Structures are given as C-alpha cells and as structure tokens.
Amino acid sequence: MANNWMRLHLITGDAGWLEPVPRVLQFLKRTQNRTSRDAGLRGGIKGSAPMSGDYGRNEILNWATKYFADALMRDEEGSAGRPGEGSVSAGVERRN
C-alpha cells in the first residue's frame, strides 16, 4: 500500500497520500526478519501478525518482501518525484 500511496501522490499531487507512508515503512522495518541464520527466513516478512493469524498463517511471504523493497526504493528516489526527498528518508543522512 505504501508504494501505491506514493504513486497516487505523484499522479494527483495530493500530499495527503504520503501521510501514512513513514509509519507503514517503519513498521515493516521493525517486523522484517534481519537476524535469522536461516537464509530462507532472513529478510522475510510474516504473512500475519501474529504469525498464527488467518492470512499467510505461519508463512514468510516472498512477495511481501519484494513489495517492501519496491516501496523503500520509491521512497529513496523521492516520493514527491525529487531525488533525496522521500517521505521517510528526507533529512536523514544517507549511508553508502
């Protein structure tokens, strides 16, 4: 959804679409598994919260991670269409 909201902002020019983006991306950053030694789990995003929820029960969804990466890249490019002015990354020092 964050990716769609950023695209809607570009299409409509309505900054209101960007309002939830930082919270959603921060939530996903917190929930992404970045510590597992199991390569099949590391980097993954759960299908449900909690894991035993109805959707994607006890699954790590590869497409969820793909869309998360897409949203992070779009934000990094600048959700307002200007490089470096993404909603989450604006004003934050970049690490290369």
N, C-alpha and C. Protein backbone atom coordinates (compact mmCIF):
# COMPACT_ATOMS: atom_id res chain seq x y z
N MET A 1 0.82 -1.19 0.00
CA MET A 1 0.00 0.00 0.00
C MET A 1 0.87 1.26 0.00
N ALA A 2 1.99 1.24 0.72
CA ALA A 2 2.84 2.43 0.75
C ALA A 2 3.29 2.81 -0.66
N ASN A 3 3.62 1.83 -1.45
CA ASN A 3 4.03 2.08 -2.83
C ASN A 3 2.88 2.73 -3.62
N ASN A 4 1.70 2.22 -3.44
CA ASN A 4 0.53 2.78 -4.13
C ASN A 4 0.25 4.21 -3.68
N TRP A 5 0.37 4.46 -2.40
CA TRP A 5 0.13 5.82 -1.88
C TRP A 5 1.14 6.80 -2.47
N MET A 6 2.40 6.38 -2.58
CA MET A 6 3.41 7.26 -3.16
C MET A 6 3.12 7.52 -4.64
N ARG A 7 2.67 6.50 -5.35
CA ARG A 7 2.30 6.69 -6.76
C ARG A 7 1.10 7.60 -6.89
N LEU A 8 0.10 7.44 -6.01
CA LEU A 8 -1.07 8.32 -6.06
C LEU A 8 -0.69 9.77 -5.81
N HIS A 9 0.27 9.98 -4.92
CA HIS A 9 0.76 11.34 -4.69
C HIS A 9 1.35 11.91 -5.97
N LEU A 10 2.15 11.12 -6.68
CA LEU A 10 2.75 11.59 -7.93
C LEU A 10 1.69 11.91 -8.97
N ILE A 11 0.66 11.10 -9.04
CA ILE A 11 -0.39 11.28 -10.04
C ILE A 11 -1.27 12.47 -9.71
N THR A 12 -1.66 12.59 -8.45
CA THR A 12 -2.64 13.61 -8.07
C THR A 12 -2.03 14.90 -7.53
N GLY A 13 -0.79 14.81 -7.04
CA GLY A 13 -0.17 15.96 -6.40
C GLY A 13 -0.67 16.20 -4.98
N ASP A 14 -1.54 15.33 -4.49
CA ASP A 14 -2.12 15.46 -3.15
C ASP A 14 -1.16 14.86 -2.11
N ALA A 15 -0.55 15.72 -1.30
CA ALA A 15 0.40 15.28 -0.29
C ALA A 15 -0.24 14.42 0.80
N GLY A 16 -1.55 14.45 0.91
CA GLY A 16 -2.24 13.62 1.89
C GLY A 16 -1.97 12.14 1.72
N TRP A 17 -1.70 11.73 0.48
CA TRP A 17 -1.40 10.31 0.23
C TRP A 17 -0.11 9.88 0.93
N LEU A 18 0.78 10.83 1.21
CA LEU A 18 2.07 10.48 1.82
C LEU A 18 1.99 10.34 3.34
N GLU A 19 0.93 10.82 3.93
CA GLU A 19 0.84 10.85 5.39
C GLU A 19 1.11 9.51 6.06
N PRO A 20 0.52 8.39 5.62
CA PRO A 20 0.76 7.12 6.33
C PRO A 20 2.06 6.43 5.95
N VAL A 21 2.73 6.89 4.91
CA VAL A 21 3.90 6.16 4.40
C VAL A 21 5.00 5.99 5.44
N PRO A 22 5.45 7.02 6.13
CA PRO A 22 6.54 6.81 7.09
C PRO A 22 6.21 5.78 8.17
N ARG A 23 4.98 5.82 8.69
CA ARG A 23 4.59 4.86 9.74
C ARG A 23 4.59 3.42 9.21
N VAL A 24 4.07 3.25 8.00
CA VAL A 24 4.00 1.90 7.42
C VAL A 24 5.40 1.35 7.16
N LEU A 25 6.27 2.17 6.57
CA LEU A 25 7.63 1.69 6.29
C LEU A 25 8.39 1.41 7.57
N GLN A 26 8.22 2.24 8.58
CA GLN A 26 8.88 1.99 9.86
C GLN A 26 8.37 0.69 10.50
N PHE A 27 7.06 0.46 10.42
CA PHE A 27 6.50 -0.78 10.95
C PHE A 27 7.12 -1.99 10.24
N LEU A 28 7.18 -1.94 8.93
CA LEU A 28 7.74 -3.06 8.18
C LEU A 28 9.22 -3.25 8.47
N LYS A 29 9.94 -2.17 8.65
CA LYS A 29 11.35 -2.30 9.02
C LYS A 29 11.51 -3.02 10.35
N ARG A 30 10.61 -2.74 11.28
CA ARG A 30 10.68 -3.40 12.59
C ARG A 30 10.29 -4.88 12.51
N THR A 31 9.39 -5.22 11.60
CA THR A 31 8.90 -6.60 11.56
C THR A 31 9.70 -7.50 10.63
N GLN A 32 10.52 -6.93 9.75
CA GLN A 32 11.30 -7.75 8.84
C GLN A 32 12.35 -8.53 9.62
N ASN A 33 12.47 -9.81 9.31
CA ASN A 33 13.45 -10.67 9.97
C ASN A 33 14.82 -10.39 9.35
N ARG A 34 15.69 -9.78 10.12
CA ARG A 34 17.02 -9.48 9.61
C ARG A 34 18.12 -10.18 10.39
N THR A 35 17.75 -11.07 11.31
CA THR A 35 18.75 -11.69 12.18
C THR A 35 18.85 -13.20 12.07
N SER A 36 17.91 -13.85 11.42
CA SER A 36 17.92 -15.31 11.37
C SER A 36 19.16 -15.82 10.63
N ARG A 37 19.70 -16.91 11.12
CA ARG A 37 20.80 -17.57 10.41
C ARG A 37 20.28 -18.41 9.25
N ASP A 38 18.98 -18.66 9.24
CA ASP A 38 18.34 -19.43 8.18
C ASP A 38 18.10 -18.50 6.98
N ALA A 39 18.80 -18.76 5.88
CA ALA A 39 18.69 -17.89 4.70
C ALA A 39 17.27 -17.87 4.14
N GLY A 40 16.48 -18.90 4.42
CA GLY A 40 15.10 -18.94 3.95
C GLY A 40 14.17 -18.04 4.76
N LEU A 41 14.62 -17.60 5.92
CA LEU A 41 13.82 -16.72 6.77
C LEU A 41 14.36 -15.29 6.81
N ARG A 42 15.68 -15.16 6.74
CA ARG A 42 16.31 -13.84 6.86
C ARG A 42 15.84 -12.92 5.72
N GLY A 43 15.40 -11.74 6.09
CA GLY A 43 14.90 -10.77 5.12
C GLY A 43 13.41 -10.87 4.88
N GLY A 44 12.80 -11.93 5.39
CA GLY A 44 11.39 -12.18 5.14
C GLY A 44 10.46 -11.34 6.00
N ILE A 45 9.22 -11.27 5.51
CA ILE A 45 8.16 -10.57 6.23
C ILE A 45 7.02 -11.56 6.45
N LYS A 46 6.52 -11.61 7.67
CA LYS A 46 5.46 -12.54 8.03
C LYS A 46 4.17 -12.23 7.28
N GLY A 47 3.41 -13.29 6.99
CA GLY A 47 2.12 -13.13 6.32
C GLY A 47 1.05 -12.58 7.24
N SER A 48 1.20 -12.78 8.54
CA SER A 48 0.22 -12.31 9.52
C SER A 48 0.92 -11.82 10.77
N ALA A 49 0.26 -10.99 11.49
CA ALA A 49 0.73 -10.57 12.81
C ALA A 49 -0.46 -10.75 13.75
N PRO A 50 -0.39 -11.74 14.63
CA PRO A 50 0.69 -12.67 14.89
C PRO A 50 0.84 -13.71 13.77
N MET A 51 1.93 -14.45 13.83
CA MET A 51 2.23 -15.46 12.81
C MET A 51 1.09 -16.45 12.61
N SER A 52 0.32 -16.70 13.64
CA SER A 52 -0.77 -17.68 13.56
C SER A 52 -2.08 -17.07 13.06
N GLY A 53 -2.04 -15.82 12.57
CA GLY A 53 -3.25 -15.17 12.07
C GLY A 53 -3.80 -15.85 10.83
N ASP A 54 -4.95 -15.38 10.38
CA ASP A 54 -5.65 -16.03 9.27
C ASP A 54 -4.91 -15.96 7.94
N TYR A 55 -4.37 -14.80 7.58
CA TYR A 55 -3.75 -14.66 6.26
C TYR A 55 -2.30 -15.08 6.32
N GLY A 56 -1.88 -15.94 5.42
CA GLY A 56 -0.49 -16.37 5.37
C GLY A 56 -0.03 -16.98 6.68
N ARG A 57 -0.91 -17.77 7.27
CA ARG A 57 -0.63 -18.37 8.58
C ARG A 57 0.71 -19.10 8.59
N ASN A 58 1.57 -18.72 9.52
CA ASN A 58 2.88 -19.34 9.71
C ASN A 58 3.72 -19.36 8.44
N GLU A 59 3.58 -18.31 7.63
CA GLU A 59 4.34 -18.22 6.38
C GLU A 59 5.15 -16.93 6.33
N ILE A 60 6.29 -17.03 5.65
CA ILE A 60 7.08 -15.85 5.30
C ILE A 60 6.80 -15.65 3.81
N LEU A 61 6.30 -14.47 3.45
CA LEU A 61 5.84 -14.24 2.09
C LEU A 61 6.91 -13.52 1.26
N ASN A 62 7.39 -14.18 0.20
CA ASN A 62 8.42 -13.57 -0.62
C ASN A 62 7.91 -12.31 -1.32
N TRP A 63 6.66 -12.30 -1.74
CA TRP A 63 6.14 -11.12 -2.43
C TRP A 63 6.02 -9.93 -1.50
N ALA A 64 5.78 -10.18 -0.21
CA ALA A 64 5.69 -9.07 0.75
C ALA A 64 7.04 -8.37 0.85
N THR A 65 8.12 -9.15 0.86
CA THR A 65 9.46 -8.57 0.90
C THR A 65 9.76 -7.82 -0.38
N LYS A 66 9.32 -8.34 -1.52
CA LYS A 66 9.53 -7.68 -2.82
C LYS A 66 8.83 -6.33 -2.84
N TYR A 67 7.57 -6.27 -2.42
CA TYR A 67 6.85 -5.01 -2.43
C TYR A 67 7.42 -4.04 -1.40
N PHE A 68 7.92 -4.55 -0.29
CA PHE A 68 8.58 -3.70 0.70
C PHE A 68 9.82 -3.06 0.09
N ALA A 69 10.63 -3.86 -0.60
CA ALA A 69 11.83 -3.33 -1.26
C ALA A 69 11.44 -2.28 -2.30
N ASP A 70 10.39 -2.55 -3.08
CA ASP A 70 9.92 -1.57 -4.06
C ASP A 70 9.56 -0.25 -3.40
N ALA A 71 8.84 -0.31 -2.28
CA ALA A 71 8.42 0.90 -1.58
C ALA A 71 9.62 1.65 -1.02
N LEU A 72 10.60 0.91 -0.48
CA LEU A 72 11.80 1.57 0.05
C LEU A 72 12.56 2.28 -1.07
N MET A 73 12.67 1.63 -2.23
CA MET A 73 13.37 2.26 -3.35
C MET A 73 12.61 3.48 -3.87
N ARG A 74 11.29 3.38 -3.96
CA ARG A 74 10.50 4.52 -4.41
C ARG A 74 10.65 5.68 -3.42
N ASP A 75 10.63 5.37 -2.14
CA ASP A 75 10.79 6.41 -1.13
C ASP A 75 12.18 7.03 -1.23
N GLU A 76 13.19 6.20 -1.42
CA GLU A 76 14.56 6.70 -1.55
C GLU A 76 14.70 7.62 -2.75
N GLU A 77 14.04 7.28 -3.86
CA GLU A 77 14.07 8.12 -5.06
C GLU A 77 13.39 9.45 -4.82
N GLY A 78 12.45 9.45 -3.91
CA GLY A 78 11.71 10.66 -3.60
C GLY A 78 10.27 10.50 -4.01
N SER A 79 9.43 10.28 -3.04
CA SER A 79 8.02 10.05 -3.33
C SER A 79 7.37 11.27 -3.94
N ALA A 80 8.02 12.42 -3.82
CA ALA A 80 7.48 13.62 -4.43
C ALA A 80 8.08 13.83 -5.82
N GLY A 81 8.83 12.82 -6.30
CA GLY A 81 9.40 12.92 -7.64
C GLY A 81 10.73 13.65 -7.68
N ARG A 82 11.27 13.98 -6.51
CA ARG A 82 12.55 14.68 -6.45
C ARG A 82 13.53 13.80 -5.69
N PRO A 83 14.66 13.41 -6.31
CA PRO A 83 15.64 12.55 -5.64
C PRO A 83 16.03 13.09 -4.28
N GLY A 84 16.09 12.18 -3.30
CA GLY A 84 16.50 12.55 -1.96
C GLY A 84 15.42 13.19 -1.11
N GLU A 85 14.20 13.28 -1.62
CA GLU A 85 13.14 13.91 -0.84
C GLU A 85 12.02 12.93 -0.53
N GLY A 86 12.39 11.68 -0.26
CA GLY A 86 11.39 10.68 0.11
C GLY A 86 10.78 11.00 1.45
N SER A 87 9.59 10.48 1.70
CA SER A 87 8.86 10.83 2.91
C SER A 87 9.57 10.34 4.17
N VAL A 88 10.23 9.19 4.11
CA VAL A 88 10.91 8.67 5.28
C VAL A 88 12.36 9.12 5.30
N SER A 89 12.99 9.18 4.13
CA SER A 89 14.42 9.45 4.09
C SER A 89 14.75 10.94 4.02
N ALA A 90 13.78 11.80 3.85
CA ALA A 90 14.05 13.23 3.76
C ALA A 90 14.71 13.73 5.04
N GLY A 91 15.81 14.39 4.86
CA GLY A 91 16.51 14.96 6.01
C GLY A 91 17.32 13.96 6.80
N VAL A 92 17.35 12.71 6.37
CA VAL A 92 18.12 11.69 7.07
C VAL A 92 19.42 11.46 6.30
N GLU A 93 20.53 11.43 7.02
CA GLU A 93 21.81 11.22 6.38
C GLU A 93 21.85 9.84 5.74
N ARG A 94 22.31 9.79 4.51
CA ARG A 94 22.40 8.51 3.79
C ARG A 94 23.72 7.83 4.11
N ARG A 95 23.69 6.52 4.17
CA ARG A 95 24.89 5.72 4.40
C ARG A 95 25.15 4.92 3.14
N ASN A 96 26.32 5.10 2.55
CA ASN A 96 26.68 4.35 1.32
C ASN A 96 27.65 3.25 1.66
